[in-house]
Structure formats: structure tokens, C-alpha cells
């Protein structure tokens, strides 16, 4: 696992705590939390599509 991935995981976990703390409140809390989670999902989805996640490698990549 590369340093870039470790940093991204730590920041993602810390960022995940914020929407989880918002969900407890009523009103617009759940909608705001979903919006914040969508940013995190979009980030990891982008990295996955670009193949920029070092700990997810296919066997074909390892053999070459």
C-alpha cells in the first residue's frame, strides 16, 4: 500500500465521522449527511475508475 493510499484512508475515516455525527440530529441532518457521503463515494469511485488504488490490483497487473 502506497503512502498516498494510507493518507486517503485516514482522511476518509475522519471525514466519515462528520456525516455520522450529523445523522443523529433531526431536520435536514440525514440529507446533509447523504450529500457529504456522496462526496466521499465520488472520490473513491474516481480513484477506482482511474486504477489509482494500489491495494486493489488484478492478477494481470501483478504478472506483467
N, C-alpha and C. Protein backbone atom coordinates (compact mmCIF):
# COMPACT_ATOMS: atom_id res chain seq x y z
N UNK A 1 0.85 -1.17 0.00
CA UNK A 1 0.00 0.00 0.00
C UNK A 1 0.90 1.23 0.00
N UNK A 2 0.60 2.13 -0.89
CA UNK A 2 1.41 3.35 -1.01
C UNK A 2 1.00 4.37 0.05
N UNK A 3 1.89 5.31 0.27
CA UNK A 3 1.65 6.37 1.26
C UNK A 3 0.40 7.17 0.89
N UNK A 4 0.21 7.41 -0.39
CA UNK A 4 -0.96 8.17 -0.86
C UNK A 4 -2.26 7.47 -0.46
N UNK A 5 -2.28 6.14 -0.55
CA UNK A 5 -3.47 5.38 -0.18
C UNK A 5 -3.71 5.42 1.33
N UNK A 6 -2.64 5.31 2.11
CA UNK A 6 -2.80 5.36 3.56
C UNK A 6 -3.34 6.71 4.01
N UNK A 7 -2.84 7.77 3.42
CA UNK A 7 -3.33 9.12 3.76
C UNK A 7 -4.80 9.25 3.37
N UNK A 8 -5.16 8.76 2.19
CA UNK A 8 -6.55 8.85 1.72
C UNK A 8 -7.49 8.07 2.64
N UNK A 9 -7.05 6.92 3.12
CA UNK A 9 -7.89 6.13 4.02
C UNK A 9 -8.10 6.84 5.35
N UNK A 10 -7.04 7.39 5.91
CA UNK A 10 -7.15 8.10 7.19
C UNK A 10 -8.05 9.33 7.05
N UNK A 11 -7.85 10.10 6.00
CA UNK A 11 -8.69 11.28 5.79
C UNK A 11 -10.14 10.88 5.56
N UNK A 12 -10.36 9.79 4.83
CA UNK A 12 -11.73 9.32 4.58
C UNK A 12 -12.41 8.89 5.86
N UNK A 13 -11.69 8.19 6.74
CA UNK A 13 -12.28 7.77 8.01
C UNK A 13 -12.62 8.98 8.86
N UNK A 14 -11.72 9.94 8.92
CA UNK A 14 -12.01 11.16 9.69
C UNK A 14 -13.18 11.92 9.10
N UNK A 15 -13.24 11.99 7.76
CA UNK A 15 -14.34 12.69 7.09
C UNK A 15 -15.65 11.94 7.29
N UNK A 16 -15.60 10.61 7.41
CA UNK A 16 -16.80 9.81 7.61
C UNK A 16 -17.44 10.07 8.96
N UNK A 17 -16.65 10.45 9.94
CA UNK A 17 -17.18 10.71 11.28
C UNK A 17 -18.09 11.93 11.30
N UNK A 18 -17.84 12.90 10.45
CA UNK A 18 -18.65 14.11 10.42
C UNK A 18 -20.09 13.81 9.97
N UNK A 19 -20.31 13.13 8.83
CA UNK A 19 -21.70 12.82 8.46
C UNK A 19 -22.39 11.91 9.46
N UNK A 20 -21.65 11.00 10.07
CA UNK A 20 -22.26 10.12 11.06
C UNK A 20 -22.72 10.89 12.29
N UNK A 21 -22.00 11.95 12.65
CA UNK A 21 -22.42 12.75 13.79
C UNK A 21 -23.63 13.63 13.44
N UNK A 22 -23.79 13.96 12.17
CA UNK A 22 -24.91 14.79 11.74
C UNK A 22 -26.22 14.00 11.72
N UNK A 23 -26.14 12.71 11.42
CA UNK A 23 -27.34 11.89 11.26
C UNK A 23 -28.18 11.87 12.53
N UNK A 24 -27.54 11.95 13.69
CA UNK A 24 -28.27 11.90 14.96
C UNK A 24 -29.27 13.04 15.12
N UNK A 25 -28.99 14.19 14.55
CA UNK A 25 -29.90 15.32 14.66
C UNK A 25 -31.07 15.18 13.71
N UNK A 26 -32.17 15.80 14.02
CA UNK A 26 -33.34 15.73 13.15
C UNK A 26 -33.28 16.77 12.05
N UNK A 27 -34.39 17.01 11.42
CA UNK A 27 -34.47 18.03 10.38
C UNK A 27 -33.74 17.65 9.12
N UNK A 28 -32.83 18.52 8.69
CA UNK A 28 -32.10 18.29 7.45
C UNK A 28 -30.81 17.50 7.67
N UNK A 29 -30.62 16.95 8.84
CA UNK A 29 -29.40 16.20 9.16
C UNK A 29 -29.15 15.03 8.23
N UNK A 30 -30.11 14.13 8.04
CA UNK A 30 -29.86 12.97 7.16
C UNK A 30 -29.57 13.37 5.71
N UNK A 31 -30.23 14.39 5.20
CA UNK A 31 -29.98 14.82 3.82
C UNK A 31 -28.57 15.39 3.69
N UNK A 32 -28.15 16.17 4.67
CA UNK A 32 -26.80 16.74 4.64
C UNK A 32 -25.75 15.63 4.74
N UNK A 33 -26.03 14.64 5.57
CA UNK A 33 -25.09 13.52 5.72
C UNK A 33 -24.97 12.74 4.42
N UNK A 34 -26.07 12.52 3.72
CA UNK A 34 -26.03 11.81 2.44
C UNK A 34 -25.25 12.60 1.41
N UNK A 35 -25.41 13.91 1.41
CA UNK A 35 -24.65 14.75 0.49
C UNK A 35 -23.15 14.65 0.78
N UNK A 36 -22.79 14.68 2.05
CA UNK A 36 -21.39 14.59 2.42
C UNK A 36 -20.82 13.20 2.08
N UNK A 37 -21.62 12.16 2.28
CA UNK A 37 -21.17 10.81 1.93
C UNK A 37 -21.01 10.65 0.43
N UNK A 38 -21.85 11.33 -0.34
CA UNK A 38 -21.74 11.21 -1.79
C UNK A 38 -20.41 11.78 -2.29
N UNK A 39 -19.88 12.79 -1.61
CA UNK A 39 -18.57 13.33 -1.97
C UNK A 39 -17.49 12.27 -1.75
N UNK A 40 -17.57 11.58 -0.63
CA UNK A 40 -16.59 10.54 -0.32
C UNK A 40 -16.70 9.36 -1.31
N UNK A 41 -17.91 8.97 -1.64
CA UNK A 41 -18.12 7.89 -2.61
C UNK A 41 -17.62 8.30 -3.99
N UNK A 42 -17.86 9.54 -4.37
CA UNK A 42 -17.38 10.03 -5.66
C UNK A 42 -15.85 10.02 -5.72
N UNK A 43 -15.20 10.39 -4.64
CA UNK A 43 -13.74 10.40 -4.61
C UNK A 43 -13.17 9.00 -4.80
N UNK A 44 -13.68 8.04 -4.01
CA UNK A 44 -13.17 6.67 -4.11
C UNK A 44 -13.58 6.04 -5.43
N UNK A 45 -14.74 6.39 -5.95
CA UNK A 45 -15.15 5.90 -7.26
C UNK A 45 -14.24 6.40 -8.36
N UNK A 46 -13.87 7.65 -8.29
CA UNK A 46 -12.95 8.23 -9.27
C UNK A 46 -11.59 7.52 -9.23
N UNK A 47 -11.08 7.32 -8.02
CA UNK A 47 -9.79 6.63 -7.89
C UNK A 47 -9.89 5.20 -8.39
N UNK A 48 -11.02 4.54 -8.15
CA UNK A 48 -11.20 3.16 -8.62
C UNK A 48 -11.23 3.11 -10.15
N UNK A 49 -11.96 4.02 -10.76
CA UNK A 49 -12.07 4.04 -12.22
C UNK A 49 -10.71 4.33 -12.86
N UNK A 50 -9.95 5.22 -12.27
CA UNK A 50 -8.62 5.56 -12.80
C UNK A 50 -7.58 4.48 -12.50
N UNK A 51 -7.92 3.52 -11.64
CA UNK A 51 -6.97 2.47 -11.27
C UNK A 51 -5.86 2.99 -10.38
N UNK A 52 -6.19 3.95 -9.53
CA UNK A 52 -5.21 4.63 -8.70
C UNK A 52 -5.19 4.12 -7.26
N UNK A 53 -5.75 2.94 -7.03
CA UNK A 53 -5.77 2.37 -5.69
C UNK A 53 -4.79 1.20 -5.70
N UNK A 54 -3.68 1.35 -4.99
CA UNK A 54 -2.60 0.37 -5.08
C UNK A 54 -2.95 -0.97 -4.43
N UNK A 55 -3.83 -0.97 -3.42
CA UNK A 55 -4.13 -2.23 -2.75
C UNK A 55 -5.22 -3.03 -3.47
N UNK A 56 -5.75 -2.51 -4.56
CA UNK A 56 -6.68 -3.26 -5.42
C UNK A 56 -6.00 -3.43 -6.76
N UNK A 57 -5.35 -4.53 -6.93
CA UNK A 57 -4.67 -4.84 -8.19
C UNK A 57 -5.14 -6.19 -8.68
N UNK A 58 -5.32 -6.30 -9.98
CA UNK A 58 -5.71 -7.59 -10.56
C UNK A 58 -4.49 -8.48 -10.72
N UNK A 59 -4.72 -9.75 -10.91
CA UNK A 59 -3.61 -10.69 -11.11
C UNK A 59 -2.85 -10.38 -12.39
N UNK A 60 -3.53 -9.85 -13.40
CA UNK A 60 -2.87 -9.49 -14.65
C UNK A 60 -1.84 -8.40 -14.42
N UNK A 61 -2.13 -7.44 -13.55
CA UNK A 61 -1.19 -6.36 -13.27
C UNK A 61 0.05 -6.89 -12.52
N UNK A 62 -0.15 -7.89 -11.67
CA UNK A 62 0.96 -8.45 -10.92
C UNK A 62 1.91 -9.24 -11.79
N UNK A 63 1.39 -9.90 -12.83
CA UNK A 63 2.20 -10.76 -13.68
C UNK A 63 3.05 -9.97 -14.67
N UNK A 64 2.66 -8.78 -15.02
CA UNK A 64 3.42 -8.00 -16.01
C UNK A 64 4.54 -7.24 -15.39
